[in-house]
Protein backbone atom coordinates (compact mmCIF):
# COMPACT_ATOMS: atom_id res chain seq x y z
CA MET A 1 0.00 0.00 0.00
CA LYS A 2 2.98 2.31 0.34
CA LYS A 3 3.05 3.17 -3.38
CA ILE A 4 -0.69 3.82 -3.40
CA GLU A 5 -0.37 6.15 -0.40
CA LYS A 6 2.46 8.06 -2.09
CA TYR A 7 0.45 8.34 -5.30
CA LEU A 8 -2.59 9.70 -3.46
CA HIS A 9 -0.37 12.11 -1.54
CA TYR A 10 1.09 13.51 -4.76
CA LYS A 11 -2.39 13.79 -6.27
CA SER A 12 -3.65 15.75 -3.27
CA LEU A 13 -0.64 18.09 -3.46
CA MET A 14 -1.38 18.58 -7.16
CA MET A 15 -4.94 19.67 -6.39
CA VAL A 16 -3.86 21.99 -3.57
CA ASN A 17 -1.36 23.73 -5.85
CA LEU A 18 -3.91 24.02 -8.64
CA ALA A 19 -6.45 25.56 -6.25
CA LEU A 20 -3.87 28.01 -4.91
CA ALA A 21 -2.85 28.99 -8.44
CA THR A 22 -6.41 29.98 -9.27
CA GLN A 23 -6.87 31.97 -6.04
CA ASN A 24 -3.65 34.01 -6.16
CA GLN A 25 -3.79 37.68 -6.99
CA SER A 26 -0.16 37.79 -8.09
CA LEU A 27 0.98 36.36 -11.41
CA GLU A 28 4.32 35.32 -9.88
CA ASP A 29 2.58 33.31 -7.18
CA SER A 30 0.29 31.68 -9.72
CA ILE A 31 3.21 30.68 -11.92
CA TYR A 32 5.03 29.22 -8.90
CA GLN A 33 1.94 27.20 -7.93
CA LEU A 34 1.46 25.94 -11.49
CA PHE A 35 5.12 24.92 -11.59
CA SER A 36 4.63 23.01 -8.33
CA TYR A 37 1.50 21.42 -9.79
CA HIS A 38 3.49 20.04 -12.72
CA VAL A 39 6.28 18.78 -10.46
CA TYR A 40 3.76 16.82 -8.36
CA LYS A 41 1.97 15.63 -11.49
CA ASP A 42 5.20 14.15 -12.81
CA ALA A 43 5.92 12.54 -9.44
CA ALA A 44 2.42 11.04 -9.33
CA GLN A 45 2.78 9.65 -12.86
CA ALA A 46 6.16 8.12 -12.01
CA GLN A 47 4.67 6.57 -8.88
CA TYR A 48 1.71 5.21 -10.89
CA TRP A 49 3.93 3.51 -13.46
CA ALA A 50 6.13 2.07 -10.69
CA MET A 51 3.14 0.20 -9.28
CA MET A 52 2.43 -3.44 -9.95
CA HIS A 53 -0.76 -4.37 -11.80
CA ASP A 54 -2.46 -5.50 -8.59
CA GLU A 55 -1.69 -2.17 -6.90
CA ARG A 56 -3.18 -0.30 -9.84
CA GLU A 57 -6.35 -2.39 -9.60
CA ILE A 58 -6.64 -1.50 -5.90
CA LEU A 59 -6.08 2.16 -6.74
CA HIS A 60 -8.75 2.13 -9.45
CA GLY A 61 -11.14 0.47 -7.03
CA LEU A 62 -10.48 3.20 -4.47
CA LEU A 63 -10.95 5.99 -6.97
CA ILE A 64 -14.27 4.60 -8.16
CA LEU A 65 -15.66 4.73 -4.61
């Protein structure tokens, strides 16, 4: 479950950064948050592809709920 927990952690950080990017008044802050979003997106994708098939099935089952 460790890989699934890391994946979900990165996904939640992605969403937080995306939300902060839309709420910022400053363009510099928005760009920084969007950059962070893409960093966490890449980390989440790498974590997803590092998972075994069974772990991905568990993850898909969790996301459907």
